[in-house]
Amino acid sequence: MPHLTLEYSGNLAGFAAADALLDINRALLASGHFEEADIKSRAVALEACRIGVHDLPRGFVHAKLAILSGRSSEEKQQLSELSLQALADSAALPPGMEVQLCVEIQEIDRASYRKRLIAR
């Protein structure tokens, strides 16, 4: 844990999703809440998406951070802010475009979550 999913509008030319994932992973590790090998992240470009109704140069990057339940509101707020700052610092975004960056924290029920590590 955690699982990080970046969804971003496909019109963000030059957005280096792999670099953004690495930067956010580093911020999550530095938070002290997670072990390095437990941080799992992925990115998905969305070709069919829309922001509002006007035909303006707009884009977005939405980070969903799924963590095990049991953390305080303050800890979740800290993780959200760290993730947003890392995303903002790493995102090479197209000039002349309005881009919304956002982070959402989701809780995974600790009692029902299962993980198995297979190392051969």
PDB file of N, CA and C in Angstrom:
ATOM      1  N   MET A   1       0.852  -1.151   0.000  1.00  0.00           N
ATOM      2  CA  MET A   1       0.000   0.000   0.000  1.00  0.00           C
ATOM      3  C   MET A   1       0.900   1.216   0.000  1.00  0.00           C
ATOM      4  N   PRO A   2       0.697   2.222  -0.636  1.00  0.00           N
ATOM      5  CA  PRO A   2      -0.515   2.656  -1.307  1.00  0.00           C
ATOM      6  C   PRO A   2      -0.536   2.293  -2.796  1.00  0.00           C
ATOM      7  N   HIS A   3      -1.700   2.516  -3.386  1.00  0.00           N
ATOM      8  CA  HIS A   3      -1.859   2.425  -4.836  1.00  0.00           C
ATOM      9  C   HIS A   3      -2.144   3.822  -5.353  1.00  0.00           C
ATOM     10  N   LEU A   4      -1.333   4.276  -6.296  1.00  0.00           N
ATOM     11  CA  LEU A   4      -1.501   5.592  -6.894  1.00  0.00           C
ATOM     12  C   LEU A   4      -1.895   5.424  -8.354  1.00  0.00           C
ATOM     13  N   THR A   5      -2.979   6.076  -8.753  1.00  0.00           N
ATOM     14  CA  THR A   5      -3.410   6.069 -10.153  1.00  0.00           C
ATOM     15  C   THR A   5      -3.504   7.510 -10.629  1.00  0.00           C
ATOM     16  N   LEU A   6      -2.744   7.822 -11.676  1.00  0.00           N
ATOM     17  CA  LEU A   6      -2.840   9.132 -12.329  1.00  0.00           C
ATOM     18  C   LEU A   6      -3.687   8.969 -13.573  1.00  0.00           C
ATOM     19  N   GLU A   7      -4.749   9.722 -13.655  1.00  0.00           N
ATOM     20  CA  GLU A   7      -5.530   9.814 -14.884  1.00  0.00           C
ATOM     21  C   GLU A   7      -5.308  11.214 -15.418  1.00  0.00           C
ATOM     22  N   TYR A   8      -5.027  11.313 -16.712  1.00  0.00           N
ATOM     23  CA  TYR A   8      -4.765  12.638 -17.266  1.00  0.00           C
ATOM     24  C   TYR A   8      -5.327  12.756 -18.669  1.00  0.00           C
ATOM     25  N   SER A   9      -5.717  13.977 -19.004  1.00  0.00           N
ATOM     26  CA  SER A   9      -6.282  14.214 -20.321  1.00  0.00           C
ATOM     27  C   SER A   9      -5.199  14.016 -21.379  1.00  0.00           C
ATOM     28  N   GLY A  10      -5.576  13.368 -22.456  1.00  0.00           N
ATOM     29  CA  GLY A  10      -4.626  13.014 -23.502  1.00  0.00           C
ATOM     30  C   GLY A  10      -4.095  14.192 -24.288  1.00  0.00           C
ATOM     31  N   ASN A  11      -4.604  15.376 -24.037  1.00  0.00           N
ATOM     32  CA  ASN A  11      -4.146  16.555 -24.774  1.00  0.00           C
ATOM     33  C   ASN A  11      -2.968  17.266 -24.108  1.00  0.00           C
ATOM     34  N   LEU A  12      -2.380  16.651 -23.102  1.00  0.00           N
ATOM     35  CA  LEU A  12      -1.251  17.273 -22.390  1.00  0.00           C
ATOM     36  C   LEU A  12       0.068  16.883 -23.058  1.00  0.00           C
ATOM     37  N   ALA A  13       0.336  17.496 -24.190  1.00  0.00           N
ATOM     38  CA  ALA A  13       1.571  17.217 -24.921  1.00  0.00           C
ATOM     39  C   ALA A  13       2.768  17.523 -24.025  1.00  0.00           C
ATOM     40  N   GLY A  14       3.682  16.588 -23.928  1.00  0.00           N
ATOM     41  CA  GLY A  14       4.889  16.785 -23.136  1.00  0.00           C
ATOM     42  C   GLY A  14       4.769  16.353 -21.691  1.00  0.00           C
ATOM     43  N   PHE A  15       3.569  15.966 -21.255  1.00  0.00           N
ATOM     44  CA  PHE A  15       3.421  15.504 -19.872  1.00  0.00           C
ATOM     45  C   PHE A  15       4.112  14.151 -19.736  1.00  0.00           C
ATOM     46  N   ALA A  16       5.117  14.080 -18.882  1.00  0.00           N
ATOM     47  CA  ALA A  16       5.894  12.856 -18.682  1.00  0.00           C
ATOM     48  C   ALA A  16       5.306  12.112 -17.480  1.00  0.00           C
ATOM     49  N   ALA A  17       4.353  11.253 -17.746  1.00  0.00           N
ATOM     50  CA  ALA A  17       3.637  10.554 -16.681  1.00  0.00           C
ATOM     51  C   ALA A  17       4.578   9.705 -15.828  1.00  0.00           C
ATOM     52  N   ALA A  18       5.530   9.028 -16.447  1.00  0.00           N
ATOM     53  CA  ALA A  18       6.458   8.178 -15.689  1.00  0.00           C
ATOM     54  C   ALA A  18       7.294   9.009 -14.716  1.00  0.00           C
ATOM     55  N   ASP A  19       7.701  10.190 -15.142  1.00  0.00           N
ATOM     56  CA  ASP A  19       8.462  11.078 -14.250  1.00  0.00           C
ATOM     57  C   ASP A  19       7.598  11.565 -13.093  1.00  0.00           C
ATOM     58  N   ALA A  20       6.346  11.907 -13.391  1.00  0.00           N
ATOM     59  CA  ALA A  20       5.424  12.352 -12.336  1.00  0.00           C
ATOM     60  C   ALA A  20       5.195  11.239 -11.321  1.00  0.00           C
ATOM     61  N   LEU A  21       5.031  10.007 -11.804  1.00  0.00           N
ATOM     62  CA  LEU A  21       4.857   8.877 -10.889  1.00  0.00           C
ATOM     63  C   LEU A  21       6.061   8.724  -9.969  1.00  0.00           C
ATOM     64  N   LEU A  22       7.257   8.809 -10.535  1.00  0.00           N
ATOM     65  CA  LEU A  22       8.467   8.669  -9.729  1.00  0.00           C
ATOM     66  C   LEU A  22       8.560   9.774  -8.679  1.00  0.00           C
ATOM     67  N   ASP A  23       8.244  10.987  -9.074  1.00  0.00           N
ATOM     68  CA  ASP A  23       8.319  12.104  -8.127  1.00  0.00           C
ATOM     69  C   ASP A  23       7.310  11.951  -6.996  1.00  0.00           C
ATOM     70  N   ILE A  24       6.109  11.521  -7.323  1.00  0.00           N
ATOM     71  CA  ILE A  24       5.104  11.320  -6.275  1.00  0.00           C
ATOM     72  C   ILE A  24       5.497  10.143  -5.396  1.00  0.00           C
ATOM     73  N   ASN A  25       5.994   9.059  -5.998  1.00  0.00           N
ATOM     74  CA  ASN A  25       6.462   7.917  -5.202  1.00  0.00           C
ATOM     75  C   ASN A  25       7.536   8.355  -4.203  1.00  0.00           C
ATOM     76  N   ARG A  26       8.460   9.187  -4.664  1.00  0.00           N
ATOM     77  CA  ARG A  26       9.519   9.675  -3.771  1.00  0.00           C
ATOM     78  C   ARG A  26       8.937  10.492  -2.619  1.00  0.00           C
ATOM     79  N   ALA A  27       7.945  11.328  -2.919  1.00  0.00           N
ATOM     80  CA  ALA A  27       7.308  12.132  -1.871  1.00  0.00           C
ATOM     81  C   ALA A  27       6.575  11.242  -0.876  1.00  0.00           C
ATOM     82  N   LEU A  28       5.904  10.216  -1.371  1.00  0.00           N
ATOM     83  CA  LEU A  28       5.195   9.293  -0.476  1.00  0.00           C
ATOM     84  C   LEU A  28       6.183   8.536   0.412  1.00  0.00           C
ATOM     85  N   LEU A  29       7.300   8.126  -0.147  1.00  0.00           N
ATOM     86  CA  LEU A  29       8.320   7.440   0.645  1.00  0.00           C
ATOM     87  C   LEU A  29       8.875   8.372   1.724  1.00  0.00           C
ATOM     88  N   ALA A  30       9.152   9.610   1.340  1.00  0.00           N
ATOM     89  CA  ALA A  30       9.711  10.578   2.290  1.00  0.00           C
ATOM     90  C   ALA A  30       8.726  10.928   3.412  1.00  0.00           C
ATOM     91  N   SER A  31       7.448  10.680   3.193  1.00  0.00           N
ATOM     92  CA  SER A  31       6.447  10.969   4.232  1.00  0.00           C
ATOM     93  C   SER A  31       6.619  10.089   5.464  1.00  0.00           C
ATOM     94  N   GLY A  32       7.280   8.943   5.284  1.00  0.00           N
ATOM     95  CA  GLY A  32       7.483   8.023   6.392  1.00  0.00           C
ATOM     96  C   GLY A  32       6.310   7.089   6.656  1.00  0.00           C
ATOM     97  N   HIS A  33       5.270   7.165   5.840  1.00  0.00           N
ATOM     98  CA  HIS A  33       4.082   6.334   6.044  1.00  0.00           C
ATOM     99  C   HIS A  33       4.161   4.982   5.331  1.00  0.00           C
ATOM    100  N   PHE A  34       5.080   4.840   4.379  1.00  0.00           N
ATOM    101  CA  PHE A  34       5.084   3.649   3.531  1.00  0.00           C
ATOM    102  C   PHE A  34       6.493   3.099   3.342  1.00  0.00           C
ATOM    103  N   GLU A  35       6.562   1.806   3.128  1.00  0.00           N
ATOM    104  CA  GLU A  35       7.813   1.160   2.733  1.00  0.00           C
ATOM    105  C   GLU A  35       7.998   1.341   1.228  1.00  0.00           C
ATOM    106  N   GLU A  36       9.236   1.438   0.791  1.00  0.00           N
ATOM    107  CA  GLU A  36       9.541   1.725  -0.615  1.00  0.00           C
ATOM    108  C   GLU A  36       8.867   0.744  -1.575  1.00  0.00           C
ATOM    109  N   ALA A  37       8.982  -0.545  -1.322  1.00  0.00           N
ATOM    110  CA  ALA A  37       8.450  -1.544  -2.256  1.00  0.00           C
ATOM    111  C   ALA A  37       6.929  -1.669  -2.200  1.00  0.00           C
ATOM    112  N   ASP A  38       6.291  -1.014  -1.251  1.00  0.00           N
ATOM    113  CA  ASP A  38       4.833  -1.074  -1.142  1.00  0.00           C
ATOM    114  C   ASP A  38       4.135   0.000  -1.970  1.00  0.00           C
ATOM    115  N   ILE A  39       4.875   0.969  -2.478  1.00  0.00           N
ATOM    116  CA  ILE A  39       4.280   2.062  -3.251  1.00  0.00           C
ATOM    117  C   ILE A  39       4.141   1.596  -4.703  1.00  0.00           C
ATOM    118  N   LYS A  40       2.896   1.489  -5.145  1.00  0.00           N
ATOM    119  CA  LYS A  40       2.616   1.031  -6.501  1.00  0.00           C
ATOM    120  C   LYS A  40       1.869   2.129  -7.247  1.00  0.00           C
ATOM    121  N   SER A  41       2.344   2.463  -8.435  1.00  0.00           N
ATOM    122  CA  SER A  41       1.722   3.561  -9.169  1.00  0.00           C
ATOM    123  C   SER A  41       1.590   3.220 -10.640  1.00  0.00           C
ATOM    124  N   ARG A  42       0.615   3.875 -11.246  1.00  0.00           N
ATOM    125  CA  ARG A  42       0.376   3.696 -12.674  1.00  0.00           C
ATOM    126  C   ARG A  42      -0.280   4.952 -13.210  1.00  0.00           C
ATOM    127  N   ALA A  43      -0.210   5.129 -14.543  1.00  0.00           N
ATOM    128  CA  ALA A  43      -0.802   6.302 -15.179  1.00  0.00           C
ATOM    129  C   ALA A  43      -1.625   5.868 -16.384  1.00  0.00           C
ATOM    130  N   VAL A  44      -2.728   6.581 -16.584  1.00  0.00           N
ATOM    131  CA  VAL A  44      -3.630   6.275 -17.686  1.00  0.00           C
ATOM    132  C   VAL A  44      -3.965   7.575 -18.414  1.00  0.00           C
ATOM    133  N   ALA A  45      -3.631   7.624 -19.706  1.00  0.00           N
ATOM    134  CA  ALA A  45      -4.005   8.777 -20.527  1.00  0.00           C
ATOM    135  C   ALA A  45      -5.429   8.568 -21.011  1.00  0.00           C
ATOM    136  N   LEU A  46      -6.236   9.601 -20.893  1.00  0.00           N
ATOM    137  CA  LEU A  46      -7.639   9.525 -21.296  1.00  0.00           C
ATOM    138  C   LEU A  46      -7.834  10.314 -22.589  1.00  0.00           C
ATOM    139  N   GLU A  47      -8.058   9.602 -23.659  1.00  0.00           N
ATOM    140  CA  GLU A  47      -8.241  10.260 -24.951  1.00  0.00           C
ATOM    141  C   GLU A  47      -9.635  10.852 -25.080  1.00  0.00           C
ATOM    142  N   ALA A  48     -10.619  10.223 -24.469  1.00  0.00           N
ATOM    143  CA  ALA A  48     -11.994  10.728 -24.517  1.00  0.00           C
ATOM    144  C   ALA A  48     -12.319  11.348 -23.172  1.00  0.00           C
ATOM    145  N   CYS A  49     -12.163  12.651 -23.068  1.00  0.00           N
ATOM    146  CA  CYS A  49     -12.488  13.360 -21.837  1.00  0.00           C
ATOM    147  C   CYS A  49     -12.876  14.783 -22.205  1.00  0.00           C
ATOM    148  N   ARG A  50     -13.504  15.439 -21.277  1.00  0.00           N
ATOM    149  CA  ARG A  50     -14.017  16.783 -21.539  1.00  0.00           C
ATOM    150  C   ARG A  50     -13.942  17.591 -20.251  1.00  0.00           C
ATOM    151  N   ILE A  51     -13.621  18.860 -20.355  1.00  0.00           N
ATOM    152  CA  ILE A  51     -13.647  19.776 -19.214  1.00  0.00           C
ATOM    153  C   ILE A  51     -14.616  20.895 -19.572  1.00  0.00           C
ATOM    154  N   GLY A  52     -15.690  20.966 -18.835  1.00  0.00           N
ATOM    155  CA  GLY A  52     -16.698  21.988 -19.087  1.00  0.00           C
ATOM    156  C   GLY A  52     -17.399  21.795 -20.419  1.00  0.00           C
ATOM    157  N   VAL A  53     -17.929  22.897 -20.963  1.00  0.00           N
ATOM    158  CA  VAL A  53     -18.681  22.820 -22.218  1.00  0.00           C
ATOM    159  C   VAL A  53     -18.067  23.671 -23.324  1.00  0.00           C
ATOM    160  N   HIS A  54     -17.153  24.573 -22.955  1.00  0.00           N
ATOM    161  CA  HIS A  54     -16.549  25.457 -23.948  1.00  0.00           C
ATOM    162  C   HIS A  54     -15.327  24.799 -24.574  1.00  0.00           C
ATOM    163  N   ASP A  55     -15.097  25.125 -25.834  1.00  0.00           N
ATOM    164  CA  ASP A  55     -13.957  24.573 -26.562  1.00  0.00           C
ATOM    165  C   ASP A  55     -12.723  25.446 -26.295  1.00  0.00           C
ATOM    166  N   LEU A  56     -12.132  25.242 -25.107  1.00  0.00           N
ATOM    167  CA  LEU A  56     -10.962  26.006 -24.683  1.00  0.00           C
ATOM    168  C   LEU A  56      -9.800  25.050 -24.439  1.00  0.00           C
ATOM    169  N   PRO A  57      -8.571  25.542 -24.495  1.00  0.00           N
ATOM    170  CA  PRO A  57      -7.413  24.665 -24.218  1.00  0.00           C
ATOM    171  C   PRO A  57      -7.323  24.357 -22.722  1.00  0.00           C
ATOM    172  N   ARG A  58      -7.881  23.233 -22.336  1.00  0.00           N
ATOM    173  CA  ARG A  58      -7.914  22.811 -20.939  1.00  0.00           C
ATOM    174  C   ARG A  58      -7.458  21.361 -20.829  1.00  0.00           C
ATOM    175  N   GLY A  59      -6.876  21.055 -19.683  1.00  0.00           N
ATOM    176  CA  GLY A  59      -6.474  19.678 -19.412  1.00  0.00           C
ATOM    177  C   GLY A  59      -6.517  19.423 -17.923  1.00  0.00           C
ATOM    178  N   PHE A  60      -6.275  18.180 -17.537  1.00  0.00           N
ATOM    179  CA  PHE A  60      -6.265  17.844 -16.114  1.00  0.00           C
ATOM    180  C   PHE A  60      -5.380  16.647 -15.841  1.00  0.00           C
ATOM    181  N   VAL A  61      -4.923  16.587 -14.594  1.00  0.00           N
ATOM    182  CA  VAL A  61      -4.250  15.406 -14.056  1.00  0.00           C
ATOM    183  C   VAL A  61      -4.902  15.152 -12.706  1.00  0.00           C
ATOM    184  N   HIS A  62      -5.470  13.972 -12.560  1.00  0.00           N
ATOM    185  CA  HIS A  62      -6.167  13.592 -11.327  1.00  0.00           C
ATOM    186  C   HIS A  62      -5.423  12.412 -10.704  1.00  0.00           C
ATOM    187  N   ALA A  63      -4.930  12.606  -9.497  1.00  0.00           N
ATOM    188  CA  ALA A  63      -4.220  11.544  -8.777  1.00  0.00           C
ATOM    189  C   ALA A  63      -5.157  10.941  -7.744  1.00  0.00           C
ATOM    190  N   LYS A  64      -5.331   9.636  -7.822  1.00  0.00           N
ATOM    191  CA  LYS A  64      -6.102   8.895  -6.827  1.00  0.00           C
ATOM    192  C   LYS A  64      -5.127   8.089  -5.994  1.00  0.00           C
ATOM    193  N   LEU A  65      -5.082   8.362  -4.707  1.00  0.00           N
ATOM    194  CA  LEU A  65      -4.182   7.668  -3.804  1.00  0.00           C
ATOM    195  C   LEU A  65      -5.023   6.789  -2.887  1.00  0.00           C
ATOM    196  N   ALA A  66      -4.936   5.492  -3.079  1.00  0.00           N
ATOM    197  CA  ALA A  66      -5.692   4.542  -2.256  1.00  0.00           C
ATOM    198  C   ALA A  66      -4.773   4.027  -1.154  1.00  0.00           C
ATOM    199  N   ILE A  67      -5.212   4.242   0.094  1.00  0.00           N
ATOM    200  CA  ILE A  67      -4.412   3.842   1.255  1.00  0.00           C
ATOM    201  C   ILE A  67      -5.275   3.009   2.196  1.00  0.00           C
ATOM    202  N   LEU A  68      -4.614   2.224   3.025  1.00  0.00           N
ATOM    203  CA  LEU A  68      -5.352   1.435   4.007  1.00  0.00           C
ATOM    204  C   LEU A  68      -6.015   2.341   5.027  1.00  0.00           C
ATOM    205  N   SER A  69      -7.180   1.952   5.468  1.00  0.00           N
ATOM    206  CA  SER A  69      -7.936   2.728   6.449  1.00  0.00           C
ATOM    207  C   SER A  69      -7.173   2.812   7.767  1.00  0.00           C
ATOM    208  N   GLY A  70      -7.543   3.813   8.570  1.00  0.00           N
ATOM    209  CA  GLY A  70      -6.961   3.949   9.898  1.00  0.00           C
ATOM    210  C   GLY A  70      -6.103   5.175  10.098  1.00  0.00           C
ATOM    211  N   ARG A  71      -5.844   5.933   9.040  1.00  0.00           N
ATOM    212  CA  ARG A  71      -5.041   7.140   9.200  1.00  0.00           C
ATOM    213  C   ARG A  71      -5.939   8.325   9.580  1.00  0.00           C
ATOM    214  N   SER A  72      -5.368   9.262  10.298  1.00  0.00           N
ATOM    215  CA  SER A  72      -6.123  10.432  10.736  1.00  0.00           C
ATOM    216  C   SER A  72      -6.379  11.371   9.554  1.00  0.00           C
ATOM    217  N   SER A  73      -7.306  12.287   9.749  1.00  0.00           N
ATOM    218  CA  SER A  73      -7.588  13.307   8.733  1.00  0.00           C
ATOM    219  C   SER A  73      -6.348  14.134   8.445  1.00  0.00           C
ATOM    220  N   GLU A  74      -5.571  14.426   9.479  1.00  0.00           N
ATOM    221  CA  GLU A  74      -4.343  15.210   9.299  1.00  0.00           C
ATOM    222  C   GLU A  74      -3.327  14.457   8.450  1.00  0.00           C
ATOM    223  N   GLU A  75      -3.184  13.151   8.694  1.00  0.00           N
ATOM    224  CA  GLU A  75      -2.244  12.349   7.899  1.00  0.00           C
ATOM    225  C   GLU A  75      -2.697  12.279   6.447  1.00  0.00           C
ATOM    226  N   LYS A  76      -3.982  12.106   6.218  1.00  0.00           N
ATOM    227  CA  LYS A  76      -4.495  12.057   4.847  1.00  0.00           C
ATOM    228  C   LYS A  76      -4.314  13.408   4.155  1.00  0.00           C
ATOM    229  N   GLN A  77      -4.532  14.484   4.882  1.00  0.00           N
ATOM    230  CA  GLN A  77      -4.323  15.814   4.319  1.00  0.00           C
ATOM    231  C   GLN A  77      -2.855  16.020   3.955  1.00  0.00           C
ATOM    232  N   GLN A  78      -1.950  15.567   4.821  1.00  0.00           N
ATOM    233  CA  GLN A  78      -0.522  15.680   4.539  1.00  0.00           C
ATOM    234  C   GLN A  78      -0.144  14.895   3.284  1.00  0.00           C
ATOM    235  N   LEU A  79      -0.640  13.680   3.159  1.00  0.00           N
ATOM    236  CA  LEU A  79      -0.341  12.855   1.988  1.00  0.00           C
ATOM    237  C   LEU A  79      -0.897  13.483   0.713  1.00  0.00           C
ATOM    238  N   SER A  80      -2.072  14.059   0.819  1.00  0.00           N
ATOM    239  CA  SER A  80      -2.682  14.723  -0.322  1.00  0.00           C
ATOM    240  C   SER A  80      -1.852  15.927  -0.756  1.00  0.00           C
ATOM    241  N   GLU A  81      -1.441  16.735   0.199  1.00  0.00           N
ATOM    242  CA  GLU A  81      -0.656  17.928  -0.115  1.00  0.00           C
ATOM    243  C   GLU A  81       0.726  17.565  -0.672  1.00  0.00           C
ATOM    244  N   LEU A  82       1.377  16.562  -0.069  1.00  0.00           N
ATOM    245  CA  LEU A  82       2.681  16.117  -0.579  1.00  0.00           C
ATOM    246  C   LEU A  82       2.562  15.629  -2.024  1.00  0.00           C
ATOM    247  N   SER A  83       1.524  14.867  -2.297  1.00  0.00           N
ATOM    248  CA  SER A  83       1.311  14.337  -3.653  1.00  0.00           C
ATOM    249  C   SER A  83       1.035  15.456  -4.640  1.00  0.00           C
ATOM    250  N   LEU A  84       0.200  16.415  -4.248  1.00  0.00           N
ATOM    251  CA  LEU A  84      -0.124  17.535  -5.137  1.00  0.00           C
ATOM    252  C   LEU A  84       1.112  18.378  -5.420  1.00  0.00           C
ATOM    253  N   GLN A  85       1.924  18.627  -4.397  1.00  0.00           N
ATOM    254  CA  GLN A  85       3.136  19.426  -4.596  1.00  0.00           C
ATOM    255  C   GLN A  85       4.119  18.709  -5.519  1.00  0.00           C
ATOM    256  N   ALA A  86       4.301  17.404  -5.309  1.00  0.00           N
ATOM    257  CA  ALA A  86       5.201  16.638  -6.181  1.00  0.00           C
ATOM    258  C   ALA A  86       4.697  16.645  -7.618  1.00  0.00           C
ATOM    259  N   LEU A  87       3.398  16.515  -7.798  1.00  0.00           N
ATOM    260  CA  LEU A  87       2.809  16.550  -9.135  1.00  0.00           C
ATOM    261  C   LEU A  87       3.019  17.916  -9.774  1.00  0.00           C
ATOM    262  N   ALA A  88       2.767  18.966  -9.038  1.00  0.00           N
ATOM    263  CA  ALA A  88       2.948  20.325  -9.573  1.00  0.00           C
ATOM    264  C   ALA A  88       4.407  20.600  -9.923  1.00  0.00           C
ATOM    265  N   ASP A  89       5.324  20.115  -9.101  1.00  0.00           N
ATOM    266  CA  ASP A  89       6.750  20.339  -9.350  1.00  0.00           C
ATOM    267  C   ASP A  89       7.255  19.563 -10.564  1.00  0.00           C
ATOM    268  N   SER A  90       6.675  18.402 -10.824  1.00  0.00           N
ATOM    269  CA  SER A  90       7.208  17.551 -11.885  1.00  0.00           C
ATOM    270  C   SER A  90       6.502  17.721 -13.217  1.00  0.00           C
ATOM    271  N   ALA A  91       5.327  18.300 -13.208  1.00  0.00           N
ATOM    272  CA  ALA A  91       4.512  18.332 -14.420  1.00  0.00           C
ATOM    273  C   ALA A  91       5.012  19.372 -15.420  1.00  0.00           C
ATOM    274  N   ALA A  92       5.551  18.889 -16.535  1.00  0.00           N
ATOM    275  CA  ALA A  92       5.882  19.771 -17.653  1.00  0.00           C
ATOM    276  C   ALA A  92       4.601  19.875 -18.474  1.00  0.00           C
ATOM    277  N   LEU A  93       3.943  21.018 -18.388  1.00  0.00           N
ATOM    278  CA  LEU A  93       2.628  21.173 -19.008  1.00  0.00           C
ATOM    279  C   LEU A  93       2.702  22.118 -20.194  1.00  0.00           C
ATOM    280  N   PRO A  94       1.809  21.918 -21.158  1.00  0.00           N
ATOM    281  CA  PRO A  94       1.829  22.765 -22.357  1.00  0.00           C
ATOM    282  C   PRO A  94       1.543  24.230 -22.019  1.00  0.00           C
ATOM    283  N   PRO A  95       2.263  25.157 -22.639  1.00  0.00           N
ATOM    284  CA  PRO A  95       1.978  26.581 -22.411  1.00  0.00           C
ATOM    285  C   PRO A  95       0.643  26.963 -23.041  1.00  0.00           C
ATOM    286  N   GLY A  96       0.006  27.958 -22.464  1.00  0.00           N
ATOM    287  CA  GLY A  96      -1.244  28.457 -23.018  1.00  0.00           C
ATOM    288  C   GLY A  96      -2.446  27.571 -22.737  1.00  0.00           C
ATOM    289  N   MET A  97      -2.291  26.639 -21.811  1.00  0.00           N
ATOM    290  CA  MET A  97      -3.381  25.725 -21.492  1.00  0.00           C
ATOM    291  C   MET A  97      -3.680  25.807 -19.999  1.00  0.00           C
ATOM    292  N   GLU A  98      -4.942  25.830 -19.676  1.00  0.00           N
ATOM    293  CA  GLU A  98      -5.363  25.770 -18.277  1.00  0.00           C
ATOM    294  C   GLU A  98      -5.404  24.294 -17.877  1.00  0.00           C
ATOM    295  N   VAL A  99      -4.637  23.941 -16.851  1.00  0.00           N
ATOM    296  CA  VAL A  99      -4.551  22.548 -16.418  1.00  0.00           C
ATOM    297  C   VAL A  99      -4.915  22.458 -14.939  1.00  0.00           C
ATOM    298  N   GLN A 100      -5.845  21.598 -14.627  1.00  0.00           N
ATOM    299  CA  GLN A 100      -6.256  21.358 -13.252  1.00  0.00           C
ATOM    300  C   GLN A 100      -5.494  20.148 -12.714  1.00  0.00           C
ATOM    301  N   LEU A 101      -4.822  20.329 -11.588  1.00  0.00           N
ATOM    302  CA  LEU A 101      -4.144  19.237 -10.894  1.00  0.00           C
ATOM    303  C   LEU A 101      -4.923  18.968  -9.615  1.00  0.00           C
ATOM    304  N   CYS A 102      -5.240  17.711  -9.359  1.00  0.00           N
ATOM    305  CA  CYS A 102      -5.974  17.409  -8.132  1.00  0.00           C
ATOM    306  C   CYS A 102      -5.572  16.040  -7.600  1.00  0.00           C
ATOM    307  N   VAL A 103      -5.771  15.886  -6.289  1.00  0.00           N
ATOM    308  CA  VAL A 103      -5.442  14.645  -5.589  1.00  0.00           C
ATOM    309  C   VAL A 103      -6.642  14.235  -4.759  1.00  0.00           C
ATOM    310  N   GLU A 104      -6.940  12.956  -4.808  1.00  0.00           N
ATOM    311  CA  GLU A 104      -8.044  12.375  -4.036  1.00  0.00           C
ATOM    312  C   GLU A 104      -7.492  11.221  -3.210  1.00  0.00           C
ATOM    313  N   ILE A 105      -7.840  11.191  -1.941  1.00  0.00           N
ATOM    314  CA  ILE A 105      -7.437  10.078  -1.076  1.00  0.00           C
ATOM    315  C   ILE A 105      -8.631   9.141  -0.927  1.00  0.00           C
ATOM    316  N   GLN A 106      -8.401   7.884  -1.192  1.00  0.00           N
ATOM    317  CA  GLN A 106      -9.423   6.856  -0.992  1.00  0.00           C
ATOM    318  C   GLN A 106      -8.924   5.883   0.053  1.00  0.00           C
ATOM    319  N   GLU A 107      -9.832   5.411   0.875  1.00  0.00           N
ATOM    320  CA  GLU A 107      -9.457   4.423   1.885  1.00  0.00           C
ATOM    321  C   GLU A 107      -9.876   3.028   1.441  1.00  0.00           C
ATOM    322  N   ILE A 108      -8.971   2.095   1.667  1.00  0.00           N
ATOM    323  CA  ILE A 108      -9.240   0.684   1.425  1.00  0.00           C
ATOM    324  C   ILE A 108      -9.418   0.039   2.794  1.00  0.00           C
ATOM    325  N   ASP A 109     -10.484  -0.714   2.939  1.00  0.00           N
ATOM    326  CA  ASP A 109     -10.770  -1.361   4.216  1.00  0.00           C
ATOM    327  C   ASP A 109      -9.618  -2.277   4.605  1.00  0.00           C
ATOM    328  N   ARG A 110      -8.976  -1.958   5.717  1.00  0.00           N
ATOM    329  CA  ARG A 110      -7.806  -2.704   6.183  1.00  0.00           C
ATOM    330  C   ARG A 110      -8.143  -4.166   6.468  1.00  0.00           C
ATOM    331  N   ALA A 111      -9.328  -4.418   7.033  1.00  0.00           N
ATOM    332  CA  ALA A 111      -9.699  -5.781   7.432  1.00  0.00           C
ATOM    333  C   ALA A 111      -9.868  -6.713   6.237  1.00  0.00           C
ATOM    334  N   SER A 112     -10.272  -6.174   5.090  1.00  0.00           N
ATOM    335  CA  SER A 112     -10.530  -7.046   3.942  1.00  0.00           C
ATOM    336  C   SER A 112      -9.424  -7.039   2.896  1.00  0.00           C
ATOM    337  N   TYR A 113      -8.449  -6.149   3.014  1.00  0.00           N
ATOM    338  CA  TYR A 113      -7.376  -6.076   2.026  1.00  0.00           C
ATOM    339  C   TYR A 113      -6.404  -7.231   2.213  1.00  0.00           C
ATOM    340  N   ARG A 114      -6.031  -7.853   1.128  1.00  0.00           N
ATOM    341  CA  ARG A 114      -5.068  -8.957   1.157  1.00  0.00           C
ATOM    342  C   ARG A 114      -3.986  -8.711   0.115  1.00  0.00           C
ATOM    343  N   LYS A 115      -2.783  -9.129   0.445  1.00  0.00           N
ATOM    344  CA  LYS A 115      -1.656  -9.013  -0.472  1.00  0.00           C
ATOM    345  C   LYS A 115      -0.785 -10.246  -0.299  1.00  0.00           C
ATOM    346  N   ARG A 116      -0.255 -10.726  -1.393  1.00  0.00           N
ATOM    347  CA  ARG A 116       0.670 -11.857  -1.354  1.00  0.00           C
ATOM    348  C   ARG A 116       1.896 -11.485  -2.174  1.00  0.00           C
ATOM    349  N   LEU A 117       3.058 -11.600  -1.584  1.00  0.00           N
ATOM    350  CA  LEU A 117       4.320 -11.332  -2.277  1.00  0.00           C
ATOM    351  C   LEU A 117       4.895 -12.657  -2.748  1.00  0.00           C
ATOM    352  N   ILE A 118       5.158 -12.733  -4.031  1.00  0.00           N
ATOM    353  CA  ILE A 118       5.740 -13.934  -4.606  1.00  0.00           C
ATOM    354  C   ILE A 118       7.113 -13.564  -5.153  1.00  0.00           C
ATOM    355  N   ALA A 119       8.141 -14.119  -4.554  1.00  0.00           N
ATOM    356  CA  ALA A 119       9.511 -13.854  -4.997  1.00  0.00           C
ATOM    357  C   ALA A 119      10.152 -15.198  -5.326  1.00  0.00           C
ATOM    358  N   ARG A 120      10.652 -15.302  -6.520  1.00  0.00           N
ATOM    359  CA  ARG A 120      11.251 -16.579  -6.951  1.00  0.00           C
ATOM    360  C   ARG A 120      12.701 -16.404  -7.288  1.00  0.00           C
TER     361      ARG A 120
END
